[in-house]
Amino acid sequence: MAHIWQYTRHMATENQKNQAKLEAGWFKIGLTAPARKALVEAKLYKVSDLRKISLDELEAMPGIAKSSIARIKVIMAAKRIEFRSR
């Protein structure tokens, strides 16, 4: 039984490391954990990926607060990236 527990613990740690790698770009710009998780689950890994979605789609994502949207908009403007048109 100890081996199963160790394996499960190891896999949980590996999954956390993989999740952290996927969220790294969002972490750098200061997004909250729920916002980072929502973006990664939507397969949006970097700011330039936001071209794939509309602002309405971003606002509809669970975990994306108004403060995260405001921060994303600032970063997108600085990089001259725009959301997809509706």
PDB file of N, CA and C in Angstrom:
ATOM      1  N   MET A   1       0.809  -1.191   0.000  1.00  0.00           N
ATOM      2  CA  MET A   1       0.000   0.000   0.000  1.00  0.00           C
ATOM      3  C   MET A   1       0.857   1.261   0.000  1.00  0.00           C
ATOM      4  N   ALA A   2       1.996   1.205   0.652  1.00  0.00           N
ATOM      5  CA  ALA A   2       2.862   2.384   0.718  1.00  0.00           C
ATOM      6  C   ALA A   2       3.311   2.795  -0.679  1.00  0.00           C
ATOM      7  N   HIS A   3       3.548   1.821  -1.548  1.00  0.00           N
ATOM      8  CA  HIS A   3       3.993   2.135  -2.903  1.00  0.00           C
ATOM      9  C   HIS A   3       2.917   2.881  -3.684  1.00  0.00           C
ATOM     10  N   ILE A   4       1.668   2.492  -3.519  1.00  0.00           N
ATOM     11  CA  ILE A   4       0.569   3.173  -4.210  1.00  0.00           C
ATOM     12  C   ILE A   4       0.474   4.614  -3.726  1.00  0.00           C
ATOM     13  N   TRP A   5       0.584   4.815  -2.431  1.00  0.00           N
ATOM     14  CA  TRP A   5       0.516   6.161  -1.867  1.00  0.00           C
ATOM     15  C   TRP A   5       1.668   7.016  -2.387  1.00  0.00           C
ATOM     16  N   GLN A   6       2.877   6.447  -2.423  1.00  0.00           N
ATOM     17  CA  GLN A   6       4.033   7.182  -2.920  1.00  0.00           C
ATOM     18  C   GLN A   6       3.865   7.538  -4.393  1.00  0.00           C
ATOM     19  N   TYR A   7       3.357   6.597  -5.180  1.00  0.00           N
ATOM     20  CA  TYR A   7       3.136   6.847  -6.601  1.00  0.00           C
ATOM     21  C   TYR A   7       2.088   7.943  -6.789  1.00  0.00           C
ATOM     22  N   THR A   8       1.001   7.872  -6.050  1.00  0.00           N
ATOM     23  CA  THR A   8      -0.059   8.875  -6.136  1.00  0.00           C
ATOM     24  C   THR A   8       0.478  10.245  -5.757  1.00  0.00           C
ATOM     25  N   ARG A   9       1.263  10.293  -4.698  1.00  0.00           N
ATOM     26  CA  ARG A   9       1.860  11.561  -4.263  1.00  0.00           C
ATOM     27  C   ARG A   9       2.810  12.102  -5.331  1.00  0.00           C
ATOM     28  N   HIS A  10       3.616  11.219  -5.910  1.00  0.00           N
ATOM     29  CA  HIS A  10       4.557  11.616  -6.964  1.00  0.00           C
ATOM     30  C   HIS A  10       3.800  12.174  -8.166  1.00  0.00           C
ATOM     31  N   MET A  11       2.724  11.505  -8.581  1.00  0.00           N
ATOM     32  CA  MET A  11       1.955  11.956  -9.738  1.00  0.00           C
ATOM     33  C   MET A  11       1.287  13.299  -9.457  1.00  0.00           C
ATOM     34  N   ALA A  12       0.806  13.495  -8.242  1.00  0.00           N
ATOM     35  CA  ALA A  12       0.192  14.777  -7.880  1.00  0.00           C
ATOM     36  C   ALA A  12       1.230  15.888  -7.976  1.00  0.00           C
ATOM     37  N   THR A  13       2.440  15.612  -7.505  1.00  0.00           N
ATOM     38  CA  THR A  13       3.519  16.593  -7.577  1.00  0.00           C
ATOM     39  C   THR A  13       3.872  16.885  -9.033  1.00  0.00           C
ATOM     40  N   GLU A  14       3.948  15.859  -9.860  1.00  0.00           N
ATOM     41  CA  GLU A  14       4.249  16.048 -11.284  1.00  0.00           C
ATOM     42  C   GLU A  14       3.158  16.870 -11.962  1.00  0.00           C
ATOM     43  N   ASN A  15       1.902  16.588 -11.639  1.00  0.00           N
ATOM     44  CA  ASN A  15       0.792  17.347 -12.219  1.00  0.00           C
ATOM     45  C   ASN A  15       0.855  18.817 -11.809  1.00  0.00           C
ATOM     46  N   GLN A  16       1.220  19.066 -10.560  1.00  0.00           N
ATOM     47  CA  GLN A  16       1.354  20.440 -10.080  1.00  0.00           C
ATOM     48  C   GLN A  16       2.479  21.157 -10.820  1.00  0.00           C
ATOM     49  N   LYS A  17       3.582  20.460 -11.048  1.00  0.00           N
ATOM     50  CA  LYS A  17       4.705  21.058 -11.781  1.00  0.00           C
ATOM     51  C   LYS A  17       4.295  21.375 -13.217  1.00  0.00           C
ATOM     52  N   ASN A  18       3.585  20.455 -13.850  1.00  0.00           N
ATOM     53  CA  ASN A  18       3.135  20.685 -15.222  1.00  0.00           C
ATOM     54  C   ASN A  18       2.163  21.857 -15.281  1.00  0.00           C
ATOM     55  N   GLN A  19       1.238  21.920 -14.320  1.00  0.00           N
ATOM     56  CA  GLN A  19       0.272  23.017 -14.276  1.00  0.00           C
ATOM     57  C   GLN A  19       1.013  24.343 -14.078  1.00  0.00           C
ATOM     58  N   ALA A  20       2.002  24.355 -13.204  1.00  0.00           N
ATOM     59  CA  ALA A  20       2.772  25.576 -12.943  1.00  0.00           C
ATOM     60  C   ALA A  20       3.504  26.035 -14.203  1.00  0.00           C
ATOM     61  N   LYS A  21       4.041  25.104 -14.970  1.00  0.00           N
ATOM     62  CA  LYS A  21       4.720  25.470 -16.219  1.00  0.00           C
ATOM     63  C   LYS A  21       3.746  26.101 -17.200  1.00  0.00           C
ATOM     64  N   LEU A  22       2.545  25.528 -17.301  1.00  0.00           N
ATOM     65  CA  LEU A  22       1.551  26.059 -18.221  1.00  0.00           C
ATOM     66  C   LEU A  22       1.055  27.442 -17.791  1.00  0.00           C
ATOM     67  N   GLU A  23       1.019  27.678 -16.481  1.00  0.00           N
ATOM     68  CA  GLU A  23       0.527  28.944 -15.948  1.00  0.00           C
ATOM     69  C   GLU A  23       1.609  30.012 -15.845  1.00  0.00           C
ATOM     70  N   ALA A  24       2.848  29.689 -16.124  1.00  0.00           N
ATOM     71  CA  ALA A  24       3.976  30.592 -15.871  1.00  0.00           C
ATOM     72  C   ALA A  24       3.810  31.969 -16.508  1.00  0.00           C
ATOM     73  N   GLY A  25       3.383  32.019 -17.754  1.00  0.00           N
ATOM     74  CA  GLY A  25       3.209  33.303 -18.422  1.00  0.00           C
ATOM     75  C   GLY A  25       2.171  34.172 -17.738  1.00  0.00           C
ATOM     76  N   TRP A  26       1.095  33.538 -17.296  1.00  0.00           N
ATOM     77  CA  TRP A  26       0.036  34.281 -16.601  1.00  0.00           C
ATOM     78  C   TRP A  26       0.491  34.709 -15.212  1.00  0.00           C
ATOM     79  N   PHE A  27       1.295  33.870 -14.572  1.00  0.00           N
ATOM     80  CA  PHE A  27       1.825  34.217 -13.245  1.00  0.00           C
ATOM     81  C   PHE A  27       2.704  35.461 -13.333  1.00  0.00           C
ATOM     82  N   LYS A  28       3.508  35.539 -14.391  1.00  0.00           N
ATOM     83  CA  LYS A  28       4.427  36.672 -14.565  1.00  0.00           C
ATOM     84  C   LYS A  28       3.696  38.004 -14.650  1.00  0.00           C
ATOM     85  N   ILE A  29       2.481  37.998 -15.211  1.00  0.00           N
ATOM     86  CA  ILE A  29       1.759  39.261 -15.309  1.00  0.00           C
ATOM     87  C   ILE A  29       0.839  39.493 -14.114  1.00  0.00           C
ATOM     88  N   GLY A  30       0.891  38.607 -13.145  1.00  0.00           N
ATOM     89  CA  GLY A  30       0.207  38.836 -11.874  1.00  0.00           C
ATOM     90  C   GLY A  30      -1.244  38.402 -11.795  1.00  0.00           C
ATOM     91  N   LEU A  31      -1.643  37.439 -12.619  1.00  0.00           N
ATOM     92  CA  LEU A  31      -3.028  36.977 -12.541  1.00  0.00           C
ATOM     93  C   LEU A  31      -3.223  36.054 -11.344  1.00  0.00           C
ATOM     94  N   THR A  32      -4.449  36.030 -10.841  1.00  0.00           N
ATOM     95  CA  THR A  32      -4.783  35.178  -9.705  1.00  0.00           C
ATOM     96  C   THR A  32      -4.765  33.708 -10.116  1.00  0.00           C
ATOM     97  N   ALA A  33      -4.672  32.836  -9.147  1.00  0.00           N
ATOM     98  CA  ALA A  33      -4.657  31.396  -9.426  1.00  0.00           C
ATOM     99  C   ALA A  33      -5.917  30.936 -10.163  1.00  0.00           C
ATOM    100  N   PRO A  34      -7.128  31.380  -9.758  1.00  0.00           N
ATOM    101  CA  PRO A  34      -8.310  30.946 -10.510  1.00  0.00           C
ATOM    102  C   PRO A  34      -8.288  31.421 -11.967  1.00  0.00           C
ATOM    103  N   ALA A  35      -7.802  32.622 -12.203  1.00  0.00           N
ATOM    104  CA  ALA A  35      -7.720  33.144 -13.573  1.00  0.00           C
ATOM    105  C   ALA A  35      -6.706  32.345 -14.382  1.00  0.00           C
ATOM    106  N   ARG A  36      -5.550  32.061 -13.794  1.00  0.00           N
ATOM    107  CA  ARG A  36      -4.528  31.267 -14.495  1.00  0.00           C
ATOM    108  C   ARG A  36      -5.070  29.893 -14.860  1.00  0.00           C
ATOM    109  N   LYS A  37      -5.743  29.274 -13.916  1.00  0.00           N
ATOM    110  CA  LYS A  37      -6.297  27.936 -14.152  1.00  0.00           C
ATOM    111  C   LYS A  37      -7.342  27.972 -15.264  1.00  0.00           C
ATOM    112  N   ALA A  38      -8.223  28.963 -15.242  1.00  0.00           N
ATOM    113  CA  ALA A  38      -9.265  29.076 -16.271  1.00  0.00           C
ATOM    114  C   ALA A  38      -8.653  29.247 -17.660  1.00  0.00           C
ATOM    115  N   LEU A  39      -7.633  30.076 -17.766  1.00  0.00           N
ATOM    116  CA  LEU A  39      -6.994  30.317 -19.056  1.00  0.00           C
ATOM    117  C   LEU A  39      -6.299  29.063 -19.580  1.00  0.00           C
ATOM    118  N   VAL A  40      -5.601  28.363 -18.705  1.00  0.00           N
ATOM    119  CA  VAL A  40      -4.911  27.134 -19.115  1.00  0.00           C
ATOM    120  C   VAL A  40      -5.926  26.064 -19.510  1.00  0.00           C
ATOM    121  N   GLU A  41      -7.021  25.955 -18.766  1.00  0.00           N
ATOM    122  CA  GLU A  41      -8.048  24.978 -19.117  1.00  0.00           C
ATOM    123  C   GLU A  41      -8.669  25.292 -20.484  1.00  0.00           C
ATOM    124  N   ALA A  42      -8.664  26.574 -20.855  1.00  0.00           N
ATOM    125  CA  ALA A  42      -9.170  26.978 -22.171  1.00  0.00           C
ATOM    126  C   ALA A  42      -8.087  26.879 -23.248  1.00  0.00           C
ATOM    127  N   LYS A  43      -6.938  26.323 -22.865  1.00  0.00           N
ATOM    128  CA  LYS A  43      -5.788  26.159 -23.770  1.00  0.00           C
ATOM    129  C   LYS A  43      -5.238  27.497 -24.256  1.00  0.00           C
ATOM    130  N   LEU A  44      -5.257  28.466 -23.361  1.00  0.00           N
ATOM    131  CA  LEU A  44      -4.682  29.788 -23.613  1.00  0.00           C
ATOM    132  C   LEU A  44      -3.474  29.907 -22.689  1.00  0.00           C
ATOM    133  N   TYR A  45      -2.282  29.799 -23.259  1.00  0.00           N
ATOM    134  CA  TYR A  45      -1.074  29.705 -22.455  1.00  0.00           C
ATOM    135  C   TYR A  45      -0.250  30.979 -22.412  1.00  0.00           C
ATOM    136  N   LYS A  46      -0.525  31.908 -23.319  1.00  0.00           N
ATOM    137  CA  LYS A  46       0.229  33.164 -23.341  1.00  0.00           C
ATOM    138  C   LYS A  46      -0.682  34.274 -23.856  1.00  0.00           C
ATOM    139  N   VAL A  47      -0.257  35.499 -23.664  1.00  0.00           N
ATOM    140  CA  VAL A  47      -1.084  36.653 -24.012  1.00  0.00           C
ATOM    141  C   VAL A  47      -1.490  36.617 -25.481  1.00  0.00           C
ATOM    142  N   SER A  48      -0.592  36.257 -26.355  1.00  0.00           N
ATOM    143  CA  SER A  48      -0.917  36.239 -27.785  1.00  0.00           C
ATOM    144  C   SER A  48      -2.023  35.230 -28.115  1.00  0.00           C
ATOM    145  N   ASP A  49      -2.229  34.227 -27.273  1.00  0.00           N
ATOM    146  CA  ASP A  49      -3.301  33.256 -27.484  1.00  0.00           C
ATOM    147  C   ASP A  49      -4.686  33.893 -27.329  1.00  0.00           C
ATOM    148  N   LEU A  50      -4.743  35.040 -26.682  1.00  0.00           N
ATOM    149  CA  LEU A  50      -6.032  35.693 -26.465  1.00  0.00           C
ATOM    150  C   LEU A  50      -6.640  36.230 -27.759  1.00  0.00           C
ATOM    151  N   ARG A  51      -5.860  36.251 -28.825  1.00  0.00           N
ATOM    152  CA  ARG A  51      -6.399  36.621 -30.140  1.00  0.00           C
ATOM    153  C   ARG A  51      -7.472  35.631 -30.591  1.00  0.00           C
ATOM    154  N   LYS A  52      -7.423  34.439 -30.043  1.00  0.00           N
ATOM    155  CA  LYS A  52      -8.333  33.369 -30.441  1.00  0.00           C
ATOM    156  C   LYS A  52      -9.744  33.541 -29.888  1.00  0.00           C
ATOM    157  N   ILE A  53      -9.903  34.394 -28.868  1.00  0.00           N
ATOM    158  CA  ILE A  53     -11.207  34.523 -28.213  1.00  0.00           C
ATOM    159  C   ILE A  53     -11.653  35.981 -28.207  1.00  0.00           C
ATOM    160  N   SER A  54     -12.941  36.179 -27.967  1.00  0.00           N
ATOM    161  CA  SER A  54     -13.472  37.537 -27.845  1.00  0.00           C
ATOM    162  C   SER A  54     -13.426  37.964 -26.380  1.00  0.00           C
ATOM    163  N   LEU A  55     -13.585  39.244 -26.153  1.00  0.00           N
ATOM    164  CA  LEU A  55     -13.644  39.753 -24.785  1.00  0.00           C
ATOM    165  C   LEU A  55     -14.840  39.141 -24.058  1.00  0.00           C
ATOM    166  N   ASP A  56     -15.953  38.981 -24.751  1.00  0.00           N
ATOM    167  CA  ASP A  56     -17.139  38.359 -24.141  1.00  0.00           C
ATOM    168  C   ASP A  56     -16.837  36.943 -23.666  1.00  0.00           C
ATOM    169  N   GLU A  57     -16.087  36.197 -24.451  1.00  0.00           N
ATOM    170  CA  GLU A  57     -15.722  34.829 -24.063  1.00  0.00           C
ATOM    171  C   GLU A  57     -14.828  34.838 -22.826  1.00  0.00           C
ATOM    172  N   LEU A  58     -13.897  35.781 -22.785  1.00  0.00           N
ATOM    173  CA  LEU A  58     -13.026  35.885 -21.617  1.00  0.00           C
ATOM    174  C   LEU A  58     -13.846  36.216 -20.372  1.00  0.00           C
ATOM    175  N   GLU A  59     -14.741  37.180 -20.500  1.00  0.00           N
ATOM    176  CA  GLU A  59     -15.567  37.597 -19.361  1.00  0.00           C
ATOM    177  C   GLU A  59     -16.474  36.473 -18.872  1.00  0.00           C
ATOM    178  N   ALA A  60     -16.835  35.552 -19.747  1.00  0.00           N
ATOM    179  CA  ALA A  60     -17.720  34.447 -19.379  1.00  0.00           C
ATOM    180  C   ALA A  60     -16.997  33.291 -18.694  1.00  0.00           C
ATOM    181  N   MET A  61     -15.686  33.301 -18.727  1.00  0.00           N
ATOM    182  CA  MET A  61     -14.931  32.199 -18.116  1.00  0.00           C
ATOM    183  C   MET A  61     -15.037  32.258 -16.595  1.00  0.00           C
ATOM    184  N   PRO A  62     -15.374  31.121 -15.970  1.00  0.00           N
ATOM    185  CA  PRO A  62     -15.383  31.097 -14.507  1.00  0.00           C
ATOM    186  C   PRO A  62     -13.949  31.272 -13.981  1.00  0.00           C
ATOM    187  N   GLY A  63     -13.794  32.067 -12.956  1.00  0.00           N
ATOM    188  CA  GLY A  63     -12.469  32.290 -12.377  1.00  0.00           C
ATOM    189  C   GLY A  63     -11.795  33.557 -12.867  1.00  0.00           C
ATOM    190  N   ILE A  64     -12.352  34.186 -13.896  1.00  0.00           N
ATOM    191  CA  ILE A  64     -11.761  35.416 -14.422  1.00  0.00           C
ATOM    192  C   ILE A  64     -12.486  36.608 -13.805  1.00  0.00           C
ATOM    193  N   ALA A  65     -11.823  37.274 -12.884  1.00  0.00           N
ATOM    194  CA  ALA A  65     -12.402  38.437 -12.201  1.00  0.00           C
ATOM    195  C   ALA A  65     -12.157  39.704 -13.022  1.00  0.00           C
ATOM    196  N   LYS A  66     -12.881  40.748 -12.680  1.00  0.00           N
ATOM    197  CA  LYS A  66     -12.728  42.026 -13.374  1.00  0.00           C
ATOM    198  C   LYS A  66     -11.300  42.552 -13.268  1.00  0.00           C
ATOM    199  N   SER A  67     -10.663  42.323 -12.135  1.00  0.00           N
ATOM    200  CA  SER A  67      -9.280  42.788 -11.965  1.00  0.00           C
ATOM    201  C   SER A  67      -8.335  42.056 -12.921  1.00  0.00           C
ATOM    202  N   SER A  68      -8.592  40.776 -13.152  1.00  0.00           N
ATOM    203  CA  SER A  68      -7.767  40.011 -14.098  1.00  0.00           C
ATOM    204  C   SER A  68      -7.995  40.501 -15.523  1.00  0.00           C
ATOM    205  N   ILE A  69      -9.238  40.797 -15.856  1.00  0.00           N
ATOM    206  CA  ILE A  69      -9.549  41.315 -17.192  1.00  0.00           C
ATOM    207  C   ILE A  69      -8.858  42.655 -17.405  1.00  0.00           C
ATOM    208  N   ALA A  70      -8.890  43.513 -16.400  1.00  0.00           N
ATOM    209  CA  ALA A  70      -8.237  44.821 -16.509  1.00  0.00           C
ATOM    210  C   ALA A  70      -6.734  44.652 -16.739  1.00  0.00           C
ATOM    211  N   ARG A  71      -6.114  43.754 -15.989  1.00  0.00           N
ATOM    212  CA  ARG A  71      -4.672  43.514 -16.144  1.00  0.00           C
ATOM    213  C   ARG A  71      -4.365  42.950 -17.529  1.00  0.00           C
ATOM    214  N   ILE A  72      -5.177  42.022 -17.988  1.00  0.00           N
ATOM    215  CA  ILE A  72      -4.983  41.427 -19.314  1.00  0.00           C
ATOM    216  C   ILE A  72      -5.095  42.494 -20.397  1.00  0.00           C
ATOM    217  N   LYS A  73      -6.083  43.373 -20.281  1.00  0.00           N
ATOM    218  CA  LYS A  73      -6.265  44.434 -21.276  1.00  0.00           C
ATOM    219  C   LYS A  73      -5.051  45.352 -21.346  1.00  0.00           C
ATOM    220  N   VAL A  74      -4.472  45.684 -20.205  1.00  0.00           N
ATOM    221  CA  VAL A  74      -3.281  46.543 -20.174  1.00  0.00           C
ATOM    222  C   VAL A  74      -2.122  45.858 -20.891  1.00  0.00           C
ATOM    223  N   ILE A  75      -1.909  44.596 -20.581  1.00  0.00           N
ATOM    224  CA  ILE A  75      -0.810  43.849 -21.201  1.00  0.00           C
ATOM    225  C   ILE A  75      -1.043  43.714 -22.706  1.00  0.00           C
ATOM    226  N   MET A  76      -2.279  43.413 -23.089  1.00  0.00           N
ATOM    227  CA  MET A  76      -2.585  43.278 -24.516  1.00  0.00           C
ATOM    228  C   MET A  76      -2.354  44.587 -25.257  1.00  0.00           C
ATOM    229  N   ALA A  77      -2.763  45.697 -24.664  1.00  0.00           N
ATOM    230  CA  ALA A  77      -2.559  47.003 -25.306  1.00  0.00           C
ATOM    231  C   ALA A  77      -1.075  47.285 -25.481  1.00  0.00           C
ATOM    232  N   ALA A  78      -0.288  46.975 -24.464  1.00  0.00           N
ATOM    233  CA  ALA A  78       1.153  47.204 -24.539  1.00  0.00           C
ATOM    234  C   ALA A  78       1.798  46.379 -25.654  1.00  0.00           C
ATOM    235  N   LYS A  79       1.252  45.192 -25.886  1.00  0.00           N
ATOM    236  CA  LYS A  79       1.795  44.311 -26.923  1.00  0.00           C
ATOM    237  C   LYS A  79       1.056  44.446 -28.256  1.00  0.00           C
ATOM    238  N   ARG A  80       0.110  45.369 -28.303  1.00  0.00           N
ATOM    239  CA  ARG A  80      -0.704  45.604 -29.504  1.00  0.00           C
ATOM    240  C   ARG A  80      -1.414  44.334 -29.984  1.00  0.00           C
ATOM    241  N   ILE A  81      -2.008  43.659 -29.035  1.00  0.00           N
ATOM    242  CA  ILE A  81      -2.773  42.441 -29.315  1.00  0.00           C
ATOM    243  C   ILE A  81      -4.239  42.763 -29.060  1.00  0.00           C
ATOM    244  N   GLU A  82      -5.098  42.271 -29.935  1.00  0.00           N
ATOM    245  CA  GLU A  82      -6.533  42.511 -29.798  1.00  0.00           C
ATOM    246  C   GLU A  82      -7.293  41.200 -29.705  1.00  0.00           C
ATOM    247  N   PHE A  83      -8.424  41.255 -29.009  1.00  0.00           N
ATOM    248  CA  PHE A  83      -9.309  40.102 -28.955  1.00  0.00           C
ATOM    249  C   PHE A  83      -9.911  39.858 -30.333  1.00  0.00           C
ATOM    250  N   ARG A  84     -10.357  38.639 -30.538  1.00  0.00           N
ATOM    251  CA  ARG A  84     -11.070  38.292 -31.763  1.00  0.00           C
ATOM    252  C   ARG A  84     -12.371  39.081 -31.793  1.00  0.00           C
ATOM    253  N   SER A  85     -12.770  39.496 -32.968  1.00  0.00           N
ATOM    254  CA  SER A  85     -14.069  40.189 -33.130  1.00  0.00           C
ATOM    255  C   SER A  85     -15.171  39.173 -32.893  1.00  0.00           C
ATOM    256  N   ARG A  86     -16.301  39.652 -32.446  1.00  0.00           N
ATOM    257  CA  ARG A  86     -17.434  38.762 -32.167  1.00  0.00           C
ATOM    258  C   ARG A  86     -17.891  38.037 -33.354  1.00  0.00           C
TER     259      ARG A  86
END
